[in-house]
Protein backbone atom coordinates (compact mmCIF):
# COMPACT_ATOMS: atom_id res chain seq x y z
CA GLY A 1 -110.73 -27.71 134.15
CA PRO A 2 -107.03 -28.46 132.44
CA LEU A 3 -106.47 -26.91 129.06
CA PHE A 4 -103.31 -27.75 127.49
CA ASP A 5 -103.43 -25.86 124.15
CA THR A 6 -104.46 -22.39 123.00
CA GLU A 7 -107.18 -23.79 120.73
CA SER A 8 -109.16 -24.94 124.04
CA TYR A 9 -108.41 -21.70 125.68
CA ASN A 10 -109.91 -19.58 122.78
CA THR A 11 -112.93 -21.81 122.71
CA VAL A 12 -113.48 -21.21 126.46
CA GLU A 13 -112.86 -17.59 125.85
CA LYS A 14 -115.52 -17.37 123.27
CA ILE A 15 -118.08 -19.18 125.35
CA LEU A 16 -117.70 -17.63 128.77
CA PRO A 17 -118.63 -13.96 129.43
CA PRO A 18 -115.71 -12.06 130.88
CA GLU A 19 -117.61 -11.24 134.01
CA ILE A 20 -117.84 -15.07 134.99
CA PRO A 21 -115.13 -16.13 137.34
CA THR A 22 -112.65 -18.52 135.65
CA ILE A 23 -110.46 -20.95 137.45
CA PHE A 24 -107.98 -22.90 135.58
CA PHE A 25 -106.60 -26.25 137.00
CA ASN A 26 -103.15 -27.52 135.81
CA SER A 27 -103.35 -25.28 132.33
CA LEU A 28 -100.74 -23.40 130.46
CA PRO A 29 -99.79 -20.38 132.64
CA GLN A 30 -100.34 -17.64 129.82
CA PHE A 31 -104.24 -18.13 130.01
CA LYS A 32 -105.72 -15.19 131.43
CA GLY A 33 -107.43 -16.28 134.87
CA ASP A 34 -106.66 -17.68 138.31
CA HIS A 35 -104.85 -20.76 138.40
CA VAL A 36 -104.50 -23.64 140.81
CA SER A 37 -101.98 -26.31 139.94
CA ILE A 38 -100.33 -29.40 141.17
CA ASN A 39 -96.55 -29.18 141.60
CA LEU A 40 -95.89 -32.12 139.37
CA ALA A 41 -92.21 -31.47 139.06
CA SER A 42 -91.84 -31.45 142.68
CA GLY A 43 -93.57 -34.60 142.91
CA ALA A 44 -91.34 -36.36 140.35
CA GLU A 45 -88.17 -34.85 142.36
CA LYS A 46 -89.42 -36.46 145.47
CA VAL A 47 -89.83 -39.88 143.73
CA VAL A 48 -86.01 -39.72 142.51
CA ASP A 49 -84.96 -38.79 145.98
CA TYR A 50 -86.78 -41.38 147.54
CA LEU A 51 -85.37 -43.94 145.28
CA TYR A 52 -81.83 -42.71 145.82
CA SER A 53 -82.38 -43.15 149.53
CA ARG A 54 -83.37 -46.74 148.86
CA ASN A 55 -80.06 -47.24 146.89
CA CYS A 56 -81.43 -47.22 143.58
CA ARG A 57 -79.00 -45.53 141.06
CA LYS A 58 -79.95 -46.69 137.69
CA ILE A 59 -83.50 -45.26 137.28
CA ILE A 60 -85.61 -45.33 134.12
CA TYR A 61 -88.44 -43.08 133.42
CA LEU A 62 -91.54 -44.56 131.53
CA SER A 63 -93.46 -41.88 129.85
CA CYS A 64 -97.18 -42.30 128.78
CA PRO A 65 -97.80 -41.58 124.82
CA ASN A 66 -97.36 -38.27 124.03
CA SER A 67 -100.49 -38.00 122.09
CA ALA A 68 -102.53 -38.65 125.26
CA ILE A 69 -101.31 -35.92 127.44
CA LYS A 70 -99.61 -32.64 126.88
CA TYR A 71 -98.05 -31.90 129.94
CA THR A 72 -95.86 -34.96 130.27
CA ASN A 73 -92.66 -32.79 130.20
CA THR A 74 -93.67 -31.29 133.55
CA ARG A 75 -93.08 -34.59 135.39
CA TYR A 76 -90.21 -35.72 133.09
CA ASN A 77 -88.39 -32.36 133.86
CA GLY A 78 -88.72 -32.97 137.60
CA PHE A 79 -87.46 -36.40 137.07
CA LEU A 80 -84.39 -34.95 135.33
CA CYS A 81 -83.81 -32.26 138.10
CA GLY A 82 -84.02 -35.06 140.64
CA MET A 83 -81.61 -37.17 138.66
CA LYS A 84 -79.02 -34.53 138.41
CA LYS A 85 -79.39 -33.34 141.92
CA ASN A 86 -78.42 -36.91 143.17
CA GLY A 87 -75.56 -36.87 140.56
CA LEU A 88 -77.33 -39.83 138.62
CA ASN A 89 -77.14 -40.72 134.64
CA THR A 90 -80.02 -38.99 132.95
CA ALA A 91 -79.73 -41.18 129.83
CA GLY A 92 -82.34 -43.51 130.62
CA THR A 93 -85.77 -42.56 129.18
CA VAL A 94 -88.24 -44.59 127.47
CA CYS A 95 -91.20 -43.11 125.72
CA LEU A 96 -94.13 -45.38 125.21
CA THR A 97 -96.05 -45.05 122.20
CA ASP A 98 -99.80 -45.35 121.26
CA ASN A 99 -99.31 -49.05 120.26
CA ILE A 100 -99.15 -51.50 123.28
CA PHE A 101 -96.82 -53.87 121.39
CA ALA A 102 -94.35 -51.00 120.78
CA TRP A 103 -93.68 -50.14 124.44
CA LYS A 104 -93.57 -53.75 125.43
CA LYS A 105 -90.83 -54.24 122.93
CA ASP A 106 -88.98 -51.25 124.21
CA LEU A 107 -89.24 -52.52 127.55
CA ASP A 108 -87.98 -56.14 126.56
CA LYS A 109 -84.82 -54.13 125.44
CA ILE A 110 -84.35 -52.83 128.82
CA LEU A 111 -85.00 -56.17 130.30
CA ALA A 112 -82.57 -58.07 128.05
CA LYS A 113 -79.50 -56.08 129.26
CA ASP A 114 -77.25 -57.80 131.41
CA SER A 115 -78.61 -56.30 134.47
CA LEU A 116 -81.94 -55.16 135.29
CA PRO A 117 -82.45 -51.38 136.21
CA ASP A 118 -82.99 -50.64 139.84
CA ALA A 119 -86.35 -48.97 139.58
CA LEU A 120 -88.64 -47.95 136.85
CA PHE A 121 -90.63 -44.48 137.48
CA CYS A 122 -93.73 -44.53 135.47
CA HIS A 123 -95.24 -41.41 134.29
CA ASP A 124 -98.67 -42.36 135.98
CA ASP A 125 -100.14 -45.19 138.06
CA ALA A 126 -101.86 -46.53 134.92
CA VAL A 127 -98.87 -47.06 132.94
CA ALA A 128 -97.07 -48.52 136.24
CA LEU A 129 -99.95 -51.14 136.58
CA GLU A 130 -99.52 -52.19 133.14
CA VAL A 131 -95.80 -52.60 133.41
CA MET A 132 -96.42 -54.32 136.86
CA ASN A 133 -98.53 -57.01 134.94
CA TYR A 134 -96.13 -57.40 132.36
CA LEU A 135 -93.12 -57.97 134.71
CA HIS A 136 -95.27 -60.53 136.59
CA SER A 137 -95.93 -62.46 133.31
CA LYS A 138 -91.77 -62.26 132.81
CA ASN A 139 -91.44 -63.87 136.37
CA ILE A 140 -89.67 -60.63 137.44
CA ARG A 141 -90.34 -60.08 140.97
CA ILE A 142 -91.45 -56.52 142.38
CA PRO A 143 -89.75 -55.17 144.53
CA GLU A 144 -86.86 -57.92 144.91
CA ASP A 145 -85.87 -57.84 141.36
CA ILE A 146 -86.95 -54.24 140.49
CA SER A 147 -88.52 -51.19 142.13
CA ILE A 148 -91.69 -49.54 140.54
CA VAL A 149 -93.23 -46.03 141.37
CA GLY A 150 -96.03 -44.65 139.79
CA PHE A 151 -98.02 -41.14 139.87
CA ASP A 152 -101.44 -39.88 140.90
CA ASP A 153 -102.49 -42.33 143.61
CA ILE A 154 -105.53 -43.81 141.63
CA ARG A 155 -107.59 -46.26 143.56
CA GLU A 156 -106.12 -49.15 141.94
CA ALA A 157 -102.74 -48.25 143.22
CA SER A 158 -103.12 -49.57 146.58
CA LEU A 159 -104.91 -52.81 145.19
CA ALA A 160 -101.96 -53.85 143.20
CA TYR A 161 -99.63 -56.59 144.02
CA PRO A 162 -97.68 -55.43 145.48
CA PRO A 163 -99.51 -52.22 146.65
CA LEU A 164 -97.69 -49.21 144.56
CA THR A 165 -95.78 -46.55 145.98
CA THR A 166 -96.99 -43.34 144.16
CA VAL A 167 -97.48 -39.44 144.42
CA GLY A 168 -100.69 -38.05 145.36
CA GLY A 169 -102.43 -36.60 148.57
CA VAL A 170 -103.60 -33.68 146.55
CA GLN A 171 -107.30 -34.30 146.57
CA GLU A 172 -108.28 -32.21 149.64
CA PRO A 173 -105.86 -29.41 149.45
CA LEU A 174 -106.82 -29.07 145.80
CA VAL A 175 -110.46 -28.69 146.37
CA GLN A 176 -110.09 -26.25 149.04
CA ALA A 177 -107.72 -24.13 146.92
CA LEU A 178 -110.03 -24.30 144.00
CA TRP A 179 -113.00 -23.32 146.02
CA GLU A 180 -111.21 -20.31 148.11
CA ALA A 181 -109.92 -19.00 144.64
CA LEU A 182 -113.59 -19.31 143.15
CA SER A 183 -115.23 -17.65 146.23
CA GLU A 184 -112.51 -14.84 146.30
CA ARG A 185 -113.18 -13.90 142.61
CA MET A 186 -116.99 -14.23 143.14
CA LYS A 187 -116.71 -12.01 146.09
CA ASN A 188 -114.31 -9.39 144.82
CA GLY A 189 -114.61 -9.68 141.17
CA ASN A 190 -111.70 -8.03 139.19
CA LYS A 191 -110.68 -6.34 142.35
CA ALA A 192 -109.23 -9.66 143.74
CA GLU A 193 -105.55 -10.25 143.15
CA LYS A 194 -104.76 -13.09 140.47
CA THR A 195 -104.44 -16.51 142.10
CA ASN A 196 -101.56 -18.77 141.17
CA LEU A 197 -101.32 -21.46 143.81
CA PHE A 198 -99.23 -24.55 143.45
CA ILE A 199 -100.20 -27.84 145.67
CA GLU A 200 -97.45 -29.92 146.85
CA PRO A 201 -98.20 -33.49 146.36
CA GLU A 202 -96.89 -36.25 148.86
CA LEU A 203 -94.93 -39.43 148.19
CA ILE A 204 -97.25 -42.36 149.20
CA ILE A 205 -94.83 -45.19 150.36
CA ARG A 206 -96.28 -48.71 149.86
CA LYS A 207 -94.42 -51.97 148.87
CA SER A 208 -93.26 -51.67 145.30
CA VAL A 209 -90.04 -50.45 146.15
CA ARG A 210 -87.46 -52.41 148.04
């Protein structure tokens, strides 16, 4: 499973005997063992490339609460790379806080400007769905007035109004890669070469981008 800090890794290392095969998923690369990860940075770049192709130039990244997840920077760094690659201004990041009223206040500052941003790229679908509901309450149309993109392709994303464009398509290749890595380790033990695989996510285009 995912481990984001050395404390968690140290706990696992104490519990599991060294002869038991261990596969880390989306965890810190310095942990000893096989690794299978989703290329989150690449997925974020694909979002920016797509938004740029849809004539979106002012794109703001909305992150999740920093205390809730510790690999936020991977997606954000991919966003920055995509913005720079397309020659876009990177000074438009809003970090949401644990307090829901605080992020609404930050979003209100963006919406109060003379012109709306072309698009909001949300750290994950949960954030995107909250933002969409809030924009609906402000009578801001999606995607006519502003485009929204999420990340993860959770079930609710396809049921949103409008259906949410997002990043996903990793479930089957991820399960396959994890199983193959674990099978190889069980079969050959320490003789097997260390696995370090990245699964490429797909852009799931729906109706939330104009």
